[in-house]
């Protein structure tokens, strides 16, 4: 199930979804239909550029590095 929220770093509107491995993934809520992430049965599927509806917020957030797992 996707959930709307805000990025704790930059304040942008995001949609939270689960990946196939069960991890939470933030997606940009603005400009849907312009990315490489599709949501199928409430699960995020990442594909080639232009193949999806959303963009991962990790690729657009100016503070993304502080949230990435090492």
PDB file of N, CA and C in Angstrom:
ATOM      1  N   UNK A   1       0.840  -1.176   0.000  1.00  0.00           N
ATOM      2  CA  UNK A   1       0.000   0.000   0.000  1.00  0.00           C
ATOM      3  C   UNK A   1       0.886   1.240   0.000  1.00  0.00           C
ATOM      4  N   UNK A   2       0.616   2.186  -0.855  1.00  0.00           N
ATOM      5  CA  UNK A   2       1.404   3.411  -0.894  1.00  0.00           C
ATOM      6  C   UNK A   2       0.805   4.430   0.077  1.00  0.00           C
ATOM      7  N   UNK A   3       1.693   5.247   0.648  1.00  0.00           N
ATOM      8  CA  UNK A   3       1.303   6.236   1.646  1.00  0.00           C
ATOM      9  C   UNK A   3       1.936   7.569   1.277  1.00  0.00           C
ATOM     10  N   UNK A   4       1.149   8.633   1.308  1.00  0.00           N
ATOM     11  CA  UNK A   4       1.674   9.974   1.041  1.00  0.00           C
ATOM     12  C   UNK A   4       2.397  10.486   2.282  1.00  0.00           C
ATOM     13  N   UNK A   5       3.443  11.289   2.066  1.00  0.00           N
ATOM     14  CA  UNK A   5       4.184  11.882   3.162  1.00  0.00           C
ATOM     15  C   UNK A   5       5.074  12.997   2.653  1.00  0.00           C
ATOM     16  N   UNK A   6       5.950  13.441   3.528  1.00  0.00           N
ATOM     17  CA  UNK A   6       6.921  14.480   3.177  1.00  0.00           C
ATOM     18  C   UNK A   6       8.312  13.984   3.520  1.00  0.00           C
ATOM     19  N   UNK A   7       9.274  14.365   2.700  1.00  0.00           N
ATOM     20  CA  UNK A   7      10.677  14.036   2.959  1.00  0.00           C
ATOM     21  C   UNK A   7      11.117  14.801   4.205  1.00  0.00           C
ATOM     22  N   UNK A   8      11.749  14.100   5.143  1.00  0.00           N
ATOM     23  CA  UNK A   8      12.205  14.758   6.371  1.00  0.00           C
ATOM     24  C   UNK A   8      13.395  15.679   6.136  1.00  0.00           C
ATOM     25  N   UNK A   9      14.052  15.566   5.004  1.00  0.00           N
ATOM     26  CA  UNK A   9      15.204  16.419   4.721  1.00  0.00           C
ATOM     27  C   UNK A   9      14.829  17.675   3.948  1.00  0.00           C
ATOM     28  N   UNK A  10      14.141  17.501   2.829  1.00  0.00           N
ATOM     29  CA  UNK A  10      13.875  18.648   1.958  1.00  0.00           C
ATOM     30  C   UNK A  10      12.415  19.096   1.974  1.00  0.00           C
ATOM     31  N   UNK A  11      11.530  18.318   2.587  1.00  0.00           N
ATOM     32  CA  UNK A  11      10.129  18.698   2.691  1.00  0.00           C
ATOM     33  C   UNK A  11       9.279  18.407   1.468  1.00  0.00           C
ATOM     34  N   UNK A  12       9.848  17.769   0.464  1.00  0.00           N
ATOM     35  CA  UNK A  12       9.089  17.464  -0.756  1.00  0.00           C
ATOM     36  C   UNK A  12       8.010  16.421  -0.480  1.00  0.00           C
ATOM     37  N   UNK A  13       6.916  16.499  -1.241  1.00  0.00           N
ATOM     38  CA  UNK A  13       5.856  15.496  -1.160  1.00  0.00           C
ATOM     39  C   UNK A  13       6.386  14.194  -1.766  1.00  0.00           C
ATOM     40  N   UNK A  14       6.211  13.086  -1.040  1.00  0.00           N
ATOM     41  CA  UNK A  14       6.651  11.786  -1.524  1.00  0.00           C
ATOM     42  C   UNK A  14       5.536  10.761  -1.338  1.00  0.00           C
ATOM     43  N   UNK A  15       5.641   9.690  -2.111  1.00  0.00           N
ATOM     44  CA  UNK A  15       4.767   8.528  -1.978  1.00  0.00           C
ATOM     45  C   UNK A  15       5.654   7.394  -1.483  1.00  0.00           C
ATOM     46  N   UNK A  16       5.300   6.798  -0.348  1.00  0.00           N
ATOM     47  CA  UNK A  16       6.074   5.680   0.199  1.00  0.00           C
ATOM     48  C   UNK A  16       5.480   4.371  -0.284  1.00  0.00           C
ATOM     49  N   UNK A  17       6.346   3.512  -0.851  1.00  0.00           N
ATOM     50  CA  UNK A  17       5.927   2.191  -1.321  1.00  0.00           C
ATOM     51  C   UNK A  17       6.951   1.167  -0.845  1.00  0.00           C
ATOM     52  N   UNK A  18       6.616  -0.096  -0.976  1.00  0.00           N
ATOM     53  CA  UNK A  18       7.543  -1.175  -0.652  1.00  0.00           C
ATOM     54  C   UNK A  18       8.159  -1.698  -1.941  1.00  0.00           C
ATOM     55  N   UNK A  19       9.426  -2.097  -1.851  1.00  0.00           N
ATOM     56  CA  UNK A  19      10.088  -2.742  -2.986  1.00  0.00           C
ATOM     57  C   UNK A  19       9.778  -4.237  -2.934  1.00  0.00           C
ATOM     58  N   UNK A  20      10.212  -4.955  -3.947  1.00  0.00           N
ATOM     59  CA  UNK A  20      10.000  -6.408  -3.957  1.00  0.00           C
ATOM     60  C   UNK A  20      10.703  -7.089  -2.793  1.00  0.00           C
ATOM     61  N   UNK A  21      11.781  -6.480  -2.291  1.00  0.00           N
ATOM     62  CA  UNK A  21      12.502  -7.063  -1.153  1.00  0.00           C
ATOM     63  C   UNK A  21      11.928  -6.623   0.196  1.00  0.00           C
ATOM     64  N   UNK A  22      10.863  -5.806   0.168  1.00  0.00           N
ATOM     65  CA  UNK A  22      10.203  -5.402   1.398  1.00  0.00           C
ATOM     66  C   UNK A  22      10.702  -4.108   2.020  1.00  0.00           C
ATOM     67  N   UNK A  23      11.654  -3.451   1.389  1.00  0.00           N
ATOM     68  CA  UNK A  23      12.161  -2.178   1.907  1.00  0.00           C
ATOM     69  C   UNK A  23      11.245  -1.029   1.498  1.00  0.00           C
ATOM     70  N   UNK A  24      11.222   0.010   2.317  1.00  0.00           N
ATOM     71  CA  UNK A  24      10.445   1.205   1.981  1.00  0.00           C
ATOM     72  C   UNK A  24      11.220   2.058   0.985  1.00  0.00           C
ATOM     73  N   UNK A  25      10.499   2.628   0.020  1.00  0.00           N
ATOM     74  CA  UNK A  25      11.124   3.443  -1.022  1.00  0.00           C
ATOM     75  C   UNK A  25      10.299   4.708  -1.222  1.00  0.00           C
ATOM     76  N   UNK A  26      10.944   5.896  -1.118  1.00  0.00           N
ATOM     77  CA  UNK A  26      10.216   7.137  -1.377  1.00  0.00           C
ATOM     78  C   UNK A  26      10.240   7.469  -2.869  1.00  0.00           C
ATOM     79  N   UNK A  27       9.087   7.876  -3.383  1.00  0.00           N
ATOM     80  CA  UNK A  27       8.961   8.286  -4.782  1.00  0.00           C
ATOM     81  C   UNK A  27       8.484   9.717  -4.824  1.00  0.00           C
ATOM     82  N   UNK A  28       8.969  10.495  -5.793  1.00  0.00           N
ATOM     83  CA  UNK A  28       8.491  11.866  -5.960  1.00  0.00           C
ATOM     84  C   UNK A  28       6.999  11.839  -6.281  1.00  0.00           C
ATOM     85  N   UNK A  29       6.228  12.654  -5.573  1.00  0.00           N
ATOM     86  CA  UNK A  29       4.779  12.711  -5.799  1.00  0.00           C
ATOM     87  C   UNK A  29       4.420  13.645  -6.945  1.00  0.00           C
ATOM     88  N   UNK A  30       5.310  14.558  -7.306  1.00  0.00           N
ATOM     89  CA  UNK A  30       5.043  15.486  -8.409  1.00  0.00           C
ATOM     90  C   UNK A  30       5.495  14.869  -9.727  1.00  0.00           C
ATOM     91  N   UNK A  31       4.862  15.297 -10.797  1.00  0.00           N
ATOM     92  CA  UNK A  31       5.175  14.819 -12.150  1.00  0.00           C
ATOM     93  C   UNK A  31       5.099  13.303 -12.300  1.00  0.00           C
ATOM     94  N   UNK A  32       3.994  12.688 -11.833  1.00  0.00           N
ATOM     95  CA  UNK A  32       3.890  11.249 -12.108  1.00  0.00           C
ATOM     96  C   UNK A  32       3.822  11.026 -13.609  1.00  0.00           C
ATOM     97  N   UNK A  33       4.050   9.840 -14.032  1.00  0.00           N
ATOM     98  CA  UNK A  33       4.076   9.421 -15.443  1.00  0.00           C
ATOM     99  C   UNK A  33       5.335   9.886 -16.157  1.00  0.00           C
ATOM    100  N   UNK A  34       6.422  10.108 -15.407  1.00  0.00           N
ATOM    101  CA  UNK A  34       7.646  10.600 -16.047  1.00  0.00           C
ATOM    102  C   UNK A  34       8.898   9.874 -15.563  1.00  0.00           C
ATOM    103  N   UNK A  35       8.781   8.673 -15.029  1.00  0.00           N
ATOM    104  CA  UNK A  35       9.965   8.055 -14.449  1.00  0.00           C
ATOM    105  C   UNK A  35      10.202   6.621 -14.871  1.00  0.00           C
ATOM    106  N   UNK A  36      10.876   5.892 -13.989  1.00  0.00           N
ATOM    107  CA  UNK A  36      11.218   4.505 -14.283  1.00  0.00           C
ATOM    108  C   UNK A  36      10.713   3.532 -13.212  1.00  0.00           C
ATOM    109  N   UNK A  37       9.816   3.993 -12.324  1.00  0.00           N
ATOM    110  CA  UNK A  37       9.285   3.128 -11.275  1.00  0.00           C
ATOM    111  C   UNK A  37       7.782   2.963 -11.487  1.00  0.00           C
ATOM    112  N   UNK A  38       7.352   1.704 -11.583  1.00  0.00           N
ATOM    113  CA  UNK A  38       5.929   1.385 -11.683  1.00  0.00           C
ATOM    114  C   UNK A  38       5.494   0.760 -10.365  1.00  0.00           C
ATOM    115  N   UNK A  39       4.237   0.974  -9.992  1.00  0.00           N
ATOM    116  CA  UNK A  39       3.684   0.320  -8.812  1.00  0.00           C
ATOM    117  C   UNK A  39       2.681  -0.709  -9.306  1.00  0.00           C
ATOM    118  N   UNK A  40       2.969  -1.983  -9.027  1.00  0.00           N
ATOM    119  CA  UNK A  40       2.114  -3.087  -9.442  1.00  0.00           C
ATOM    120  C   UNK A  40       1.741  -3.873  -8.192  1.00  0.00           C
ATOM    121  N   UNK A  41       0.462  -3.994  -7.916  1.00  0.00           N
ATOM    122  CA  UNK A  41      -0.017  -4.688  -6.714  1.00  0.00           C
ATOM    123  C   UNK A  41       0.649  -4.147  -5.455  1.00  0.00           C
ATOM    124  N   UNK A  42       0.759  -2.809  -5.380  1.00  0.00           N
ATOM    125  CA  UNK A  42       1.344  -2.099  -4.232  1.00  0.00           C
ATOM    126  C   UNK A  42       2.819  -2.396  -4.011  1.00  0.00           C
ATOM    127  N   UNK A  43       3.534  -2.825  -5.050  1.00  0.00           N
ATOM    128  CA  UNK A  43       4.970  -3.094  -4.971  1.00  0.00           C
ATOM    129  C   UNK A  43       5.679  -2.298  -6.058  1.00  0.00           C
ATOM    130  N   UNK A  44       6.787  -1.637  -5.698  1.00  0.00           N
ATOM    131  CA  UNK A  44       7.560  -0.845  -6.659  1.00  0.00           C
ATOM    132  C   UNK A  44       8.406  -1.754  -7.541  1.00  0.00           C
ATOM    133  N   UNK A  45       8.357  -1.510  -8.842  1.00  0.00           N
ATOM    134  CA  UNK A  45       9.167  -2.233  -9.820  1.00  0.00           C
ATOM    135  C   UNK A  45       9.965  -1.196 -10.604  1.00  0.00           C
ATOM    136  N   UNK A  46      11.287  -1.289 -10.536  1.00  0.00           N
ATOM    137  CA  UNK A  46      12.169  -0.333 -11.204  1.00  0.00           C
ATOM    138  C   UNK A  46      12.557  -0.894 -12.569  1.00  0.00           C
ATOM    139  N   UNK A  47      12.451  -0.046 -13.595  1.00  0.00           N
ATOM    140  CA  UNK A  47      12.783  -0.465 -14.953  1.00  0.00           C
ATOM    141  C   UNK A  47      13.637   0.579 -15.646  1.00  0.00           C
ATOM    142  N   UNK A  48      13.630   0.528 -16.947  1.00  0.00           N
ATOM    143  CA  UNK A  48      14.401   1.477 -17.761  1.00  0.00           C
ATOM    144  C   UNK A  48      13.751   2.859 -17.704  1.00  0.00           C
ATOM    145  N   UNK A  49      14.544   3.881 -17.983  1.00  0.00           N
ATOM    146  CA  UNK A  49      14.017   5.247 -18.018  1.00  0.00           C
ATOM    147  C   UNK A  49      12.804   5.311 -18.937  1.00  0.00           C
ATOM    148  N   UNK A  50      11.770   6.005 -18.471  1.00  0.00           N
ATOM    149  CA  UNK A  50      10.558   6.166 -19.260  1.00  0.00           C
ATOM    150  C   UNK A  50       9.593   4.997 -19.186  1.00  0.00           C
ATOM    151  N   UNK A  51       9.948   3.957 -18.437  1.00  0.00           N
ATOM    152  CA  UNK A  51       9.091   2.772 -18.386  1.00  0.00           C
ATOM    153  C   UNK A  51       8.076   2.805 -17.251  1.00  0.00           C
ATOM    154  N   UNK A  52       8.159   3.823 -16.394  1.00  0.00           N
ATOM    155  CA  UNK A  52       7.278   3.841 -15.242  1.00  0.00           C
ATOM    156  C   UNK A  52       6.582   5.164 -15.049  1.00  0.00           C
ATOM    157  N   UNK A  53       5.955   5.285 -13.906  1.00  0.00           N
ATOM    158  CA  UNK A  53       5.157   6.461 -13.598  1.00  0.00           C
ATOM    159  C   UNK A  53       5.833   7.390 -12.595  1.00  0.00           C
ATOM    160  N   UNK A  54       6.744   6.875 -11.795  1.00  0.00           N
ATOM    161  CA  UNK A  54       7.339   7.659 -10.717  1.00  0.00           C
ATOM    162  C   UNK A  54       8.860   7.674 -10.818  1.00  0.00           C
ATOM    163  N   UNK A  55       9.463   8.645 -10.089  1.00  0.00           N
ATOM    164  CA  UNK A  55      10.911   8.762  -9.978  1.00  0.00           C
ATOM    165  C   UNK A  55      11.272   8.560  -8.511  1.00  0.00           C
ATOM    166  N   UNK A  56      12.305   7.779  -8.242  1.00  0.00           N
ATOM    167  CA  UNK A  56      12.757   7.585  -6.873  1.00  0.00           C
ATOM    168  C   UNK A  56      13.195   8.924  -6.289  1.00  0.00           C
ATOM    169  N   UNK A  57      12.732   9.221  -5.087  1.00  0.00           N
ATOM    170  CA  UNK A  57      13.115  10.482  -4.457  1.00  0.00           C
ATOM    171  C   UNK A  57      14.601  10.494  -4.111  1.00  0.00           C
ATOM    172  N   UNK A  58      15.217   9.321  -3.984  1.00  0.00           N
ATOM    173  CA  UNK A  58      16.659   9.267  -3.739  1.00  0.00           C
ATOM    174  C   UNK A  58      17.443   9.916  -4.881  1.00  0.00           C
ATOM    175  N   UNK A  59      16.890   9.927  -6.083  1.00  0.00           N
ATOM    176  CA  UNK A  59      17.613  10.515  -7.220  1.00  0.00           C
ATOM    177  C   UNK A  59      17.394  12.015  -7.343  1.00  0.00           C
ATOM    178  N   UNK A  60      16.440  12.592  -6.601  1.00  0.00           N
ATOM    179  CA  UNK A  60      16.164  14.024  -6.724  1.00  0.00           C
ATOM    180  C   UNK A  60      16.379  14.807  -5.434  1.00  0.00           C
ATOM    181  N   UNK A  61      16.436  14.138  -4.291  1.00  0.00           N
ATOM    182  CA  UNK A  61      16.581  14.834  -3.006  1.00  0.00           C
ATOM    183  C   UNK A  61      18.010  15.335  -2.826  1.00  0.00           C
ATOM    184  N   UNK A  62      18.188  16.602  -2.479  1.00  0.00           N
ATOM    185  CA  UNK A  62      19.537  17.119  -2.275  1.00  0.00           C
ATOM    186  C   UNK A  62      20.227  16.532  -1.043  1.00  0.00           C
ATOM    187  N   UNK A  63      19.479  15.909  -0.152  1.00  0.00           N
ATOM    188  CA  UNK A  63      20.038  15.312   1.071  1.00  0.00           C
ATOM    189  C   UNK A  63      19.991  13.786   1.055  1.00  0.00           C
ATOM    190  N   UNK A  64      19.854  13.174  -0.097  1.00  0.00           N
ATOM    191  CA  UNK A  64      19.664  11.721  -0.202  1.00  0.00           C
ATOM    192  C   UNK A  64      20.790  10.914   0.425  1.00  0.00           C
ATOM    193  N   UNK A  65      22.019  11.382   0.332  1.00  0.00           N
ATOM    194  CA  UNK A  65      23.155  10.611   0.849  1.00  0.00           C
ATOM    195  C   UNK A  65      23.047  10.323   2.340  1.00  0.00           C
ATOM    196  N   UNK A  66      22.429  11.205   3.099  1.00  0.00           N
ATOM    197  CA  UNK A  66      22.336  10.974   4.543  1.00  0.00           C
ATOM    198  C   UNK A  66      21.350   9.851   4.883  1.00  0.00           C
ATOM    199  N   UNK A  67      20.490   9.450   3.944  1.00  0.00           N
ATOM    200  CA  UNK A  67      19.505   8.418   4.205  1.00  0.00           C
ATOM    201  C   UNK A  67      19.858   7.073   3.575  1.00  0.00           C
ATOM    202  N   UNK A  68      20.807   7.047   2.672  1.00  0.00           N
ATOM    203  CA  UNK A  68      21.158   5.789   2.013  1.00  0.00           C
ATOM    204  C   UNK A  68      21.854   4.847   2.983  1.00  0.00           C
ATOM    205  N   UNK A  69      21.536   3.578   2.848  1.00  0.00           N
ATOM    206  CA  UNK A  69      22.231   2.567   3.649  1.00  0.00           C
ATOM    207  C   UNK A  69      23.582   2.312   3.038  1.00  0.00           C
ATOM    208  N   UNK A  70      24.562   2.120   3.853  1.00  0.00           N
ATOM    209  CA  UNK A  70      25.915   1.901   3.379  1.00  0.00           C
ATOM    210  C   UNK A  70      26.202   0.419   3.250  1.00  0.00           C
TER     211      UNK A  70
END
